[in-house]
PDB file of N, CA and C in Angstrom:
ATOM      1  N   MET A   1      33.879  -3.892  15.559  1.00  0.00           N
ATOM      2  CA  MET A   1      33.981  -4.320  15.700  1.00  0.00           C
ATOM      3  C   MET A   1      32.524  -5.046  16.539  1.00  0.00           C
ATOM      4  N   ILE A   2      31.721  -5.867  15.807  1.00  0.00           N
ATOM      5  CA  ILE A   2      31.134  -6.926  16.784  1.00  0.00           C
ATOM      6  C   ILE A   2      31.562  -7.944  17.692  1.00  0.00           C
ATOM      7  N   THR A   3      30.999  -8.078  18.610  1.00  0.00           N
ATOM      8  CA  THR A   3      31.811  -9.152  19.618  1.00  0.00           C
ATOM      9  C   THR A   3      29.813  -9.763  20.394  1.00  0.00           C
ATOM     10  N   GLU A   4      31.011 -10.645  20.479  1.00  0.00           N
ATOM     11  CA  GLU A   4      29.931 -11.933  21.330  1.00  0.00           C
ATOM     12  C   GLU A   4      28.812 -11.140  22.344  1.00  0.00           C
ATOM     13  N   GLN A   5      29.862 -10.338  22.857  1.00  0.00           N
ATOM     14  CA  GLN A   5      29.399  -9.667  24.402  1.00  0.00           C
ATOM     15  C   GLN A   5      28.272  -9.037  23.784  1.00  0.00           C
ATOM     16  N   ALA A   6      28.566  -8.696  23.246  1.00  0.00           N
ATOM     17  CA  ALA A   6      27.289  -7.531  22.642  1.00  0.00           C
ATOM     18  C   ALA A   6      25.948  -8.026  21.800  1.00  0.00           C
ATOM     19  N   LEU A   7      26.047  -8.785  21.664  1.00  0.00           N
ATOM     20  CA  LEU A   7      24.934  -9.626  20.949  1.00  0.00           C
ATOM     21  C   LEU A   7      24.524 -10.301  22.272  1.00  0.00           C
ATOM     22  N   TYR A   8      23.048 -10.766  22.525  1.00  0.00           N
ATOM     23  CA  TYR A   8      22.273 -11.624  23.284  1.00  0.00           C
ATOM     24  C   TYR A   8      22.958 -13.285  23.056  1.00  0.00           C
ATOM     25  N   GLY A   9      22.979 -14.110  23.836  1.00  0.00           N
ATOM     26  CA  GLY A   9      23.749 -15.324  24.073  1.00  0.00           C
ATOM     27  C   GLY A   9      22.726 -16.609  23.091  1.00  0.00           C
ATOM     28  N   ILE A  10      23.530 -17.584  22.467  1.00  0.00           N
ATOM     29  CA  ILE A  10      22.220 -18.287  22.014  1.00  0.00           C
ATOM     30  C   ILE A  10      21.260 -18.679  22.173  1.00  0.00           C
ATOM     31  N   LYS A  11      20.870 -18.586  23.469  1.00  0.00           N
ATOM     32  CA  LYS A  11      19.878 -19.117  24.363  1.00  0.00           C
ATOM     33  C   LYS A  11      18.929 -17.935  24.303  1.00  0.00           C
ATOM     34  N   HIS A  12      19.033 -16.843  23.876  1.00  0.00           N
ATOM     35  CA  HIS A  12      17.906 -15.388  23.390  1.00  0.00           C
ATOM     36  C   HIS A  12      17.352 -16.056  22.428  1.00  0.00           C
ATOM     37  N   TYR A  13      17.910 -16.752  21.348  1.00  0.00           N
ATOM     38  CA  TYR A  13      17.282 -17.468  19.843  1.00  0.00           C
ATOM     39  C   TYR A  13      15.914 -18.887  20.704  1.00  0.00           C
ATOM     40  N   PHE A  14      16.440 -18.952  21.504  1.00  0.00           N
ATOM     41  CA  PHE A  14      14.873 -19.917  21.980  1.00  0.00           C
ATOM     42  C   PHE A  14      13.841 -19.778  22.000  1.00  0.00           C
ATOM     43  N   TYR A  15      13.331 -17.799  22.179  1.00  0.00           N
ATOM     44  CA  TYR A  15      13.137 -17.541  22.041  1.00  0.00           C
ATOM     45  C   TYR A  15      11.642 -17.317  21.348  1.00  0.00           C
ATOM     46  N   GLY A  16      12.262 -17.328  19.266  1.00  0.00           N
ATOM     47  CA  GLY A  16      12.140 -17.351  18.549  1.00  0.00           C
ATOM     48  C   GLY A  16      12.262 -16.543  18.138  1.00  0.00           C
ATOM     49  N   GLU A  17      13.463 -15.588  18.828  1.00  0.00           N
ATOM     50  CA  GLU A  17      12.869 -13.907  18.255  1.00  0.00           C
ATOM     51  C   GLU A  17      14.137 -13.159  17.444  1.00  0.00           C
ATOM     52  N   ALA A  18      14.500 -12.480  16.723  1.00  0.00           N
ATOM     53  CA  ALA A  18      15.322 -11.895  16.146  1.00  0.00           C
ATOM     54  C   ALA A  18      16.185 -11.098  16.624  1.00  0.00           C
ATOM     55  N   TYR A  19      17.525 -11.217  16.284  1.00  0.00           N
ATOM     56  CA  TYR A  19      18.201  -9.979  16.469  1.00  0.00           C
ATOM     57  C   TYR A  19      18.416  -9.622  15.846  1.00  0.00           C
ATOM     58  N   TYR A  20      18.094  -8.312  16.047  1.00  0.00           N
ATOM     59  CA  TYR A  20      18.747  -7.083  14.556  1.00  0.00           C
ATOM     60  C   TYR A  20      19.760  -5.998  15.175  1.00  0.00           C
ATOM     61  N   GLY A  21      20.650  -5.618  14.193  1.00  0.00           N
ATOM     62  CA  GLY A  21      21.917  -4.654  15.094  1.00  0.00           C
ATOM     63  C   GLY A  21      22.136  -4.138  14.034  1.00  0.00           C
ATOM     64  N   SER A  22      23.337  -3.294  13.820  1.00  0.00           N
ATOM     65  CA  SER A  22      24.373  -2.522  13.017  1.00  0.00           C
ATOM     66  C   SER A  22      25.477  -2.028  13.150  1.00  0.00           C
ATOM     67  N   ASP A  23      26.323  -1.675  12.221  1.00  0.00           N
ATOM     68  CA  ASP A  23      27.919  -1.708  12.607  1.00  0.00           C
ATOM     69  C   ASP A  23      28.504  -1.037  11.563  1.00  0.00           C
ATOM     70  N   GLU A  24      28.888   0.268  11.567  1.00  0.00           N
ATOM     71  CA  GLU A  24      29.709   0.737  10.886  1.00  0.00           C
ATOM     72  C   GLU A  24      28.816   0.770   9.409  1.00  0.00           C
ATOM     73  N   GLY A  25      27.472   1.264   8.997  1.00  0.00           N
ATOM     74  CA  GLY A  25      27.215   1.389   7.592  1.00  0.00           C
ATOM     75  C   GLY A  25      26.189  -0.157   7.452  1.00  0.00           C
ATOM     76  N   MET A  26      26.498  -1.318   8.146  1.00  0.00           N
ATOM     77  CA  MET A  26      26.502  -2.699   7.904  1.00  0.00           C
ATOM     78  C   MET A  26      24.647  -3.013   9.096  1.00  0.00           C
ATOM     79  N   ARG A  27      24.323  -3.659   8.373  1.00  0.00           N
ATOM     80  CA  ARG A  27      22.909  -3.887   9.341  1.00  0.00           C
ATOM     81  C   ARG A  27      22.534  -5.500   9.309  1.00  0.00           C
ATOM     82  N   PHE A  28      22.080  -6.106  10.159  1.00  0.00           N
ATOM     83  CA  PHE A  28      22.548  -7.124  10.002  1.00  0.00           C
ATOM     84  C   PHE A  28      21.224  -7.928  11.101  1.00  0.00           C
ATOM     85  N   ARG A  29      20.882  -9.146  10.753  1.00  0.00           N
ATOM     86  CA  ARG A  29      20.041  -9.925  11.550  1.00  0.00           C
ATOM     87  C   ARG A  29      20.710 -11.051  12.289  1.00  0.00           C
ATOM     88  N   LEU A  30      20.390 -11.593  13.289  1.00  0.00           N
ATOM     89  CA  LEU A  30      20.629 -13.214  13.643  1.00  0.00           C
ATOM     90  C   LEU A  30      19.258 -13.821  14.224  1.00  0.00           C
ATOM     91  N   ALA A  31      18.798 -15.003  13.837  1.00  0.00           N
ATOM     92  CA  ALA A  31      17.650 -15.718  13.675  1.00  0.00           C
ATOM     93  C   ALA A  31      17.911 -17.491  13.821  1.00  0.00           C
ATOM     94  N   ARG A  32      17.150 -17.510  14.907  1.00  0.00           N
ATOM     95  CA  ARG A  32      16.604 -19.662  14.934  1.00  0.00           C
ATOM     96  C   ARG A  32      15.778 -19.531  13.684  1.00  0.00           C
ATOM     97  N   GLU A  33      15.952 -20.320  12.823  1.00  0.00           N
ATOM     98  CA  GLU A  33      15.434 -20.750  12.023  1.00  0.00           C
ATOM     99  C   GLU A  33      15.379 -22.181  11.567  1.00  0.00           C
ATOM    100  N   PRO A  34      13.856 -22.715  11.579  1.00  0.00           N
ATOM    101  CA  PRO A  34      13.434 -22.120  11.364  1.00  0.00           C
ATOM    102  C   PRO A  34      12.332 -20.986  12.612  1.00  0.00           C
ATOM    103  N   LEU A  35      12.300 -20.080  12.857  1.00  0.00           N
ATOM    104  CA  LEU A  35      11.637 -19.137  13.892  1.00  0.00           C
ATOM    105  C   LEU A  35      10.583 -19.447  14.660  1.00  0.00           C
ATOM    106  N   ARG A  36      10.846 -19.821  15.745  1.00  0.00           N
ATOM    107  CA  ARG A  36       9.786 -20.663  16.866  1.00  0.00           C
ATOM    108  C   ARG A  36      10.681 -20.195  18.295  1.00  0.00           C
ATOM    109  N   ASN A  37       9.106 -20.066  19.220  1.00  0.00           N
ATOM    110  CA  ASN A  37       9.484 -20.482  20.154  1.00  0.00           C
ATOM    111  C   ASN A  37       9.725 -21.628  21.123  1.00  0.00           C
ATOM    112  N   VAL A  38      10.922 -21.874  21.078  1.00  0.00           N
ATOM    113  CA  VAL A  38      11.143 -23.744  21.920  1.00  0.00           C
ATOM    114  C   VAL A  38      12.046 -23.899  23.177  1.00  0.00           C
ATOM    115  N   VAL A  39      11.655 -22.939  24.063  1.00  0.00           N
ATOM    116  CA  VAL A  39      12.174 -22.332  25.034  1.00  0.00           C
ATOM    117  C   VAL A  39      11.325 -23.461  25.882  1.00  0.00           C
ATOM    118  N   PHE A  40      10.554 -23.719  25.903  1.00  0.00           N
ATOM    119  CA  PHE A  40       9.854 -24.874  27.167  1.00  0.00           C
ATOM    120  C   PHE A  40       9.381 -25.910  26.183  1.00  0.00           C
ATOM    121  N   SER A  41       9.994 -26.386  25.349  1.00  0.00           N
ATOM    122  CA  SER A  41       9.994 -27.721  25.009  1.00  0.00           C
ATOM    123  C   SER A  41      11.565 -28.589  25.252  1.00  0.00           C
ATOM    124  N   SER A  42      10.729 -29.778  24.893  1.00  0.00           N
ATOM    125  CA  SER A  42      11.777 -30.388  24.903  1.00  0.00           C
ATOM    126  C   SER A  42      13.100 -30.427  24.656  1.00  0.00           C
ATOM    127  N   GLU A  43      13.920 -30.777  24.857  1.00  0.00           N
ATOM    128  CA  GLU A  43      15.315 -31.020  23.770  1.00  0.00           C
ATOM    129  C   GLU A  43      15.258 -31.887  22.799  1.00  0.00           C
ATOM    130  N   GLU A  44      14.306 -33.006  23.346  1.00  0.00           N
ATOM    131  CA  GLU A  44      14.340 -33.714  21.793  1.00  0.00           C
ATOM    132  C   GLU A  44      13.467 -32.201  20.599  1.00  0.00           C
ATOM    133  N   ASP A  45      12.153 -31.862  21.508  1.00  0.00           N
ATOM    134  CA  ASP A  45      11.742 -31.102  20.414  1.00  0.00           C
ATOM    135  C   ASP A  45      12.162 -29.704  19.591  1.00  0.00           C
ATOM    136  N   ARG A  46      13.304 -29.220  20.161  1.00  0.00           N
ATOM    137  CA  ARG A  46      13.641 -28.110  20.288  1.00  0.00           C
ATOM    138  C   ARG A  46      14.800 -28.706  18.889  1.00  0.00           C
ATOM    139  N   SER A  47      15.251 -30.188  18.686  1.00  0.00           N
ATOM    140  CA  SER A  47      15.986 -30.030  17.745  1.00  0.00           C
ATOM    141  C   SER A  47      15.125 -30.841  16.278  1.00  0.00           C
ATOM    142  N   SER A  48      14.226 -31.303  17.015  1.00  0.00           N
ATOM    143  CA  SER A  48      13.186 -31.895  15.830  1.00  0.00           C
ATOM    144  C   SER A  48      13.420 -31.341  14.241  1.00  0.00           C
ATOM    145  N   ASP A  49      13.169 -30.172  14.553  1.00  0.00           N
ATOM    146  CA  ASP A  49      13.797 -29.386  12.680  1.00  0.00           C
ATOM    147  C   ASP A  49      14.157 -28.533  12.458  1.00  0.00           C
ATOM    148  N   ASP A  50      15.377 -29.528  13.162  1.00  0.00           N
ATOM    149  CA  ASP A  50      16.914 -29.257  13.031  1.00  0.00           C
ATOM    150  C   ASP A  50      17.399 -27.924  12.113  1.00  0.00           C
ATOM    151  N   PRO A  51      17.488 -26.957  13.987  1.00  0.00           N
ATOM    152  CA  PRO A  51      17.436 -25.285  13.786  1.00  0.00           C
ATOM    153  C   PRO A  51      18.802 -24.634  13.648  1.00  0.00           C
ATOM    154  N   LYS A  52      18.953 -23.750  12.525  1.00  0.00           N
ATOM    155  CA  LYS A  52      20.447 -22.920  12.126  1.00  0.00           C
ATOM    156  C   LYS A  52      19.947 -21.690  12.789  1.00  0.00           C
ATOM    157  N   LEU A  53      21.227 -21.241  12.685  1.00  0.00           N
ATOM    158  CA  LEU A  53      21.553 -19.973  12.946  1.00  0.00           C
ATOM    159  C   LEU A  53      21.262 -19.320  11.824  1.00  0.00           C
ATOM    160  N   ARG A  54      20.278 -18.260  11.723  1.00  0.00           N
ATOM    161  CA  ARG A  54      20.992 -17.261  10.180  1.00  0.00           C
ATOM    162  C   ARG A  54      21.139 -16.262  10.445  1.00  0.00           C
ATOM    163  N   ALA A  55      22.466 -15.431   9.546  1.00  0.00           N
ATOM    164  CA  ALA A  55      23.267 -14.422  10.324  1.00  0.00           C
ATOM    165  C   ALA A  55      22.695 -13.731   8.311  1.00  0.00           C
ATOM    166  N   GLU A  56      21.693 -12.587   8.130  1.00  0.00           N
ATOM    167  CA  GLU A  56      21.758 -11.589   7.338  1.00  0.00           C
ATOM    168  C   GLU A  56      21.971 -10.145   7.319  1.00  0.00           C
ATOM    169  N   VAL A  57      22.472 -10.251   5.833  1.00  0.00           N
ATOM    170  CA  VAL A  57      23.737  -8.561   6.308  1.00  0.00           C
ATOM    171  C   VAL A  57      23.034  -8.191   4.960  1.00  0.00           C
ATOM    172  N   TRP A  58      22.747  -6.825   5.073  1.00  0.00           N
ATOM    173  CA  TRP A  58      22.864  -6.044   4.208  1.00  0.00           C
ATOM    174  C   TRP A  58      23.000  -4.135   4.474  1.00  0.00           C
ATOM    175  N   PHE A  59      22.967  -3.928   3.672  1.00  0.00           N
ATOM    176  CA  PHE A  59      23.915  -2.227   3.262  1.00  0.00           C
ATOM    177  C   PHE A  59      22.987  -1.061   3.254  1.00  0.00           C
ATOM    178  N   GLY A  60      23.076  -0.085   3.801  1.00  0.00           N
ATOM    179  CA  GLY A  60      22.310   0.819   3.433  1.00  0.00           C
ATOM    180  C   GLY A  60      21.154   1.490   4.320  1.00  0.00           C
ATOM    181  N   LYS A  61      19.887   2.314   4.067  1.00  0.00           N
ATOM    182  CA  LYS A  61      19.011   2.397   5.610  1.00  0.00           C
ATOM    183  C   LYS A  61      17.921   2.063   5.888  1.00  0.00           C
ATOM    184  N   LEU A  62      18.083   0.963   4.477  1.00  0.00           N
ATOM    185  CA  LEU A  62      16.472   0.798   4.840  1.00  0.00           C
ATOM    186  C   LEU A  62      16.317  -0.656   6.235  1.00  0.00           C
ATOM    187  N   SER A  63      14.973  -0.376   6.259  1.00  0.00           N
ATOM    188  CA  SER A  63      15.127  -1.825   7.811  1.00  0.00           C
ATOM    189  C   SER A  63      14.599  -3.153   6.879  1.00  0.00           C
ATOM    190  N   TYR A  64      15.121  -4.373   7.876  1.00  0.00           N
ATOM    191  CA  TYR A  64      15.127  -5.478   7.162  1.00  0.00           C
ATOM    192  C   TYR A  64      14.045  -5.774   6.039  1.00  0.00           C
ATOM    193  N   GLU A  65      12.832  -5.721   6.791  1.00  0.00           N
ATOM    194  CA  GLU A  65      11.287  -5.927   5.761  1.00  0.00           C
ATOM    195  C   GLU A  65      11.184  -4.831   4.523  1.00  0.00           C
ATOM    196  N   ASN A  66      12.185  -3.426   4.587  1.00  0.00           N
ATOM    197  CA  ASN A  66      12.439  -2.738   3.300  1.00  0.00           C
ATOM    198  C   ASN A  66      12.819  -3.176   2.556  1.00  0.00           C
ATOM    199  N   THR A  67      14.106  -3.909   2.708  1.00  0.00           N
ATOM    200  CA  THR A  67      15.005  -4.177   1.962  1.00  0.00           C
ATOM    201  C   THR A  67      14.992  -5.170   1.018  1.00  0.00           C
ATOM    202  N   PRO A  68      15.209  -5.312  -0.009  1.00  0.00           N
ATOM    203  CA  PRO A  68      14.934  -6.259  -1.913  1.00  0.00           C
ATOM    204  C   PRO A  68      15.850  -7.325  -0.990  1.00  0.00           C
ATOM    205  N   GLU A  69      15.370  -8.574  -0.972  1.00  0.00           N
ATOM    206  CA  GLU A  69      15.936 -10.097  -0.706  1.00  0.00           C
ATOM    207  C   GLU A  69      17.202  -9.721  -1.177  1.00  0.00           C
ATOM    208  N   GLU A  70      17.281  -9.754  -2.692  1.00  0.00           N
ATOM    209  CA  GLU A  70      18.284 -10.100  -3.194  1.00  0.00           C
ATOM    210  C   GLU A  70      19.541  -8.849  -2.829  1.00  0.00           C
ATOM    211  N   GLU A  71      19.569  -7.709  -1.929  1.00  0.00           N
ATOM    212  CA  GLU A  71      20.542  -7.332  -1.746  1.00  0.00           C
ATOM    213  C   GLU A  71      20.814  -7.565   0.216  1.00  0.00           C
ATOM    214  N   ILE A  72      20.547  -8.785   0.529  1.00  0.00           N
ATOM    215  CA  ILE A  72      20.189  -9.348   2.069  1.00  0.00           C
ATOM    216  C   ILE A  72      21.109 -10.712   1.085  1.00  0.00           C
ATOM    217  N   GLU A  73      22.504 -10.564   2.183  1.00  0.00           N
ATOM    218  CA  GLU A  73      23.124 -11.831   2.084  1.00  0.00           C
ATOM    219  C   GLU A  73      23.187 -12.351   3.568  1.00  0.00           C
ATOM    220  N   ARG A  74      22.696 -14.278   3.170  1.00  0.00           N
ATOM    221  CA  ARG A  74      22.312 -14.627   4.254  1.00  0.00           C
ATOM    222  C   ARG A  74      23.118 -16.014   4.521  1.00  0.00           C
ATOM    223  N   ARG A  75      23.659 -16.401   5.681  1.00  0.00           N
ATOM    224  CA  ARG A  75      24.306 -17.818   5.680  1.00  0.00           C
ATOM    225  C   ARG A  75      23.952 -18.125   6.969  1.00  0.00           C
ATOM    226  N   ASP A  76      23.601 -19.480   7.283  1.00  0.00           N
ATOM    227  CA  ASP A  76      23.559 -20.706   8.096  1.00  0.00           C
ATOM    228  C   ASP A  76      24.922 -20.919   9.020  1.00  0.00           C
ATOM    229  N   PHE A  77      24.287 -20.840  10.011  1.00  0.00           N
ATOM    230  CA  PHE A  77      25.444 -21.352  10.759  1.00  0.00           C
ATOM    231  C   PHE A  77      24.898 -22.838  11.593  1.00  0.00           C
ATOM    232  N   GLU A  78      25.263 -23.689  12.052  1.00  0.00           N
ATOM    233  CA  GLU A  78      24.905 -24.675  13.166  1.00  0.00           C
ATOM    234  C   GLU A  78      24.254 -23.855  14.602  1.00  0.00           C
ATOM    235  N   PHE A  79      23.341 -24.405  15.207  1.00  0.00           N
ATOM    236  CA  PHE A  79      22.391 -23.860  16.324  1.00  0.00           C
ATOM    237  C   PHE A  79      23.501 -24.576  17.345  1.00  0.00           C
ATOM    238  N   ASP A  80      24.613 -23.894  17.607  1.00  0.00           N
ATOM    239  CA  ASP A  80      24.905 -24.263  18.877  1.00  0.00           C
ATOM    240  C   ASP A  80      25.680 -23.154  19.432  1.00  0.00           C
ATOM    241  N   SER A  81      26.932 -23.430  19.992  1.00  0.00           N
ATOM    242  CA  SER A  81      27.614 -22.256  20.489  1.00  0.00           C
ATOM    243  C   SER A  81      29.003 -22.689  19.806  1.00  0.00           C
ATOM    244  N   ASP A  82      29.097 -23.054  19.173  1.00  0.00           N
ATOM    245  CA  ASP A  82      30.387 -22.772  18.108  1.00  0.00           C
ATOM    246  C   ASP A  82      29.458 -22.108  16.787  1.00  0.00           C
ATOM    247  N   GLY A  83      28.882 -22.782  16.300  1.00  0.00           N
ATOM    248  CA  GLY A  83      27.664 -21.585  15.097  1.00  0.00           C
ATOM    249  C   GLY A  83      27.892 -20.368  15.247  1.00  0.00           C
ATOM    250  N   TYR A  84      27.261 -20.054  16.726  1.00  0.00           N
ATOM    251  CA  TYR A  84      26.658 -18.207  17.093  1.00  0.00           C
ATOM    252  C   TYR A  84      28.555 -17.735  16.870  1.00  0.00           C
ATOM    253  N   ARG A  85      29.308 -18.578  17.592  1.00  0.00           N
ATOM    254  CA  ARG A  85      30.962 -18.336  17.072  1.00  0.00           C
ATOM    255  C   ARG A  85      30.902 -17.598  15.509  1.00  0.00           C
ATOM    256  N   GLU A  86      31.074 -18.733  15.117  1.00  0.00           N
ATOM    257  CA  GLU A  86      31.206 -18.737  13.806  1.00  0.00           C
ATOM    258  C   GLU A  86      30.153 -17.189  13.215  1.00  0.00           C
ATOM    259  N   ALA A  87      29.169 -17.506  13.558  1.00  0.00           N
ATOM    260  CA  ALA A  87      28.330 -15.938  12.645  1.00  0.00           C
ATOM    261  C   ALA A  87      29.123 -15.154  13.687  1.00  0.00           C
ATOM    262  N   VAL A  88      28.943 -14.544  14.254  1.00  0.00           N
ATOM    263  CA  VAL A  88      29.772 -13.573  14.931  1.00  0.00           C
ATOM    264  C   VAL A  88      31.034 -13.309  13.700  1.00  0.00           C
ATOM    265  N   ALA A  89      31.533 -14.409  13.800  1.00  0.00           N
ATOM    266  CA  ALA A  89      33.179 -13.766  12.925  1.00  0.00           C
ATOM    267  C   ALA A  89      32.620 -13.467  11.344  1.00  0.00           C
ATOM    268  N   TRP A  90      31.711 -14.337  11.073  1.00  0.00           N
ATOM    269  CA  TRP A  90      30.952 -13.510   9.685  1.00  0.00           C
ATOM    270  C   TRP A  90      30.633 -12.479   9.278  1.00  0.00           C
ATOM    271  N   LEU A  91      30.172 -12.319  10.375  1.00  0.00           N
ATOM    272  CA  LEU A  91      29.138 -10.853  10.170  1.00  0.00           C
ATOM    273  C   LEU A  91      30.641 -10.148  10.527  1.00  0.00           C
ATOM    274  N   ASN A  92      31.549  -9.819  11.305  1.00  0.00           N
ATOM    275  CA  ASN A  92      32.638  -9.393  11.053  1.00  0.00           C
ATOM    276  C   ASN A  92      33.430  -9.281  10.165  1.00  0.00           C
ATOM    277  N   GLU A  93      33.242 -10.562   9.096  1.00  0.00           N
ATOM    278  CA  GLU A  93      34.007 -11.139   8.231  1.00  0.00           C
ATOM    279  C   GLU A  93      33.345  -9.585   6.629  1.00  0.00           C
ATOM    280  N   MET A  94      31.864  -9.745   6.788  1.00  0.00           N
ATOM    281  CA  MET A  94      31.284  -8.854   5.754  1.00  0.00           C
ATOM    282  C   MET A  94      31.692  -7.060   6.638  1.00  0.00           C
ATOM    283  N   ARG A  95      31.811  -6.937   7.091  1.00  0.00           N
ATOM    284  CA  ARG A  95      31.414  -6.040   8.265  1.00  0.00           C
ATOM    285  C   ARG A  95      32.750  -5.071   7.097  1.00  0.00           C
ATOM    286  N   SER A  96      34.263  -6.206   7.129  1.00  0.00           N
ATOM    287  CA  SER A  96      35.659  -5.660   6.924  1.00  0.00           C
ATOM    288  C   SER A  96      35.467  -6.033   5.529  1.00  0.00           C
ATOM    289  N   ASP A  97      35.207  -6.531   4.868  1.00  0.00           N
ATOM    290  CA  ASP A  97      34.711  -6.526   3.655  1.00  0.00           C
ATOM    291  C   ASP A  97      34.017  -4.869   2.742  1.00  0.00           C
ATOM    292  N   ARG A  98      32.882  -4.805   2.933  1.00  0.00           N
ATOM    293  CA  ARG A  98      32.853  -3.847   2.788  1.00  0.00           C
ATOM    294  C   ARG A  98      33.694  -2.423   2.860  1.00  0.00           C
ATOM    295  N   MET A  99      33.940  -2.691   4.227  1.00  0.00           N
ATOM    296  CA  MET A  99      35.062  -1.185   4.154  1.00  0.00           C
ATOM    297  C   MET A  99      36.056  -1.276   3.566  1.00  0.00           C
ATOM    298  N   PHE A 100      36.615  -2.465   3.351  1.00  0.00           N
ATOM    299  CA  PHE A 100      37.348  -2.211   2.657  1.00  0.00           C
ATOM    300  C   PHE A 100      37.530  -2.192   1.149  1.00  0.00           C
ATOM    301  N   ARG A 101      36.394  -2.483   0.341  1.00  0.00           N
ATOM    302  CA  ARG A 101      35.718  -1.974  -0.994  1.00  0.00           C
ATOM    303  C   ARG A 101      36.874  -0.635  -1.768  1.00  0.00           C
TER     304      ARG A 101
END
């Protein structure tokens, strides 16, 4: 199971870096979309590009860059603490769905 405590908190994504992880054969990526460093930006500038928290999931041994686009499932969430919790829940749903097929 993926927990919020096992991942970087929402503030990490202000730095414009993605988080990559895996769990039980599922690989995933979390990132601010659009991906850019806004940590030193004003609050107004941080939200000017309508950021989302994008969660992406794929299965197999290939890296994110080497996995065909059609094999990656994506979902966008609000870029806030609620969206972060929803993204973690969605990652766990995707993992559970795949395990029980």
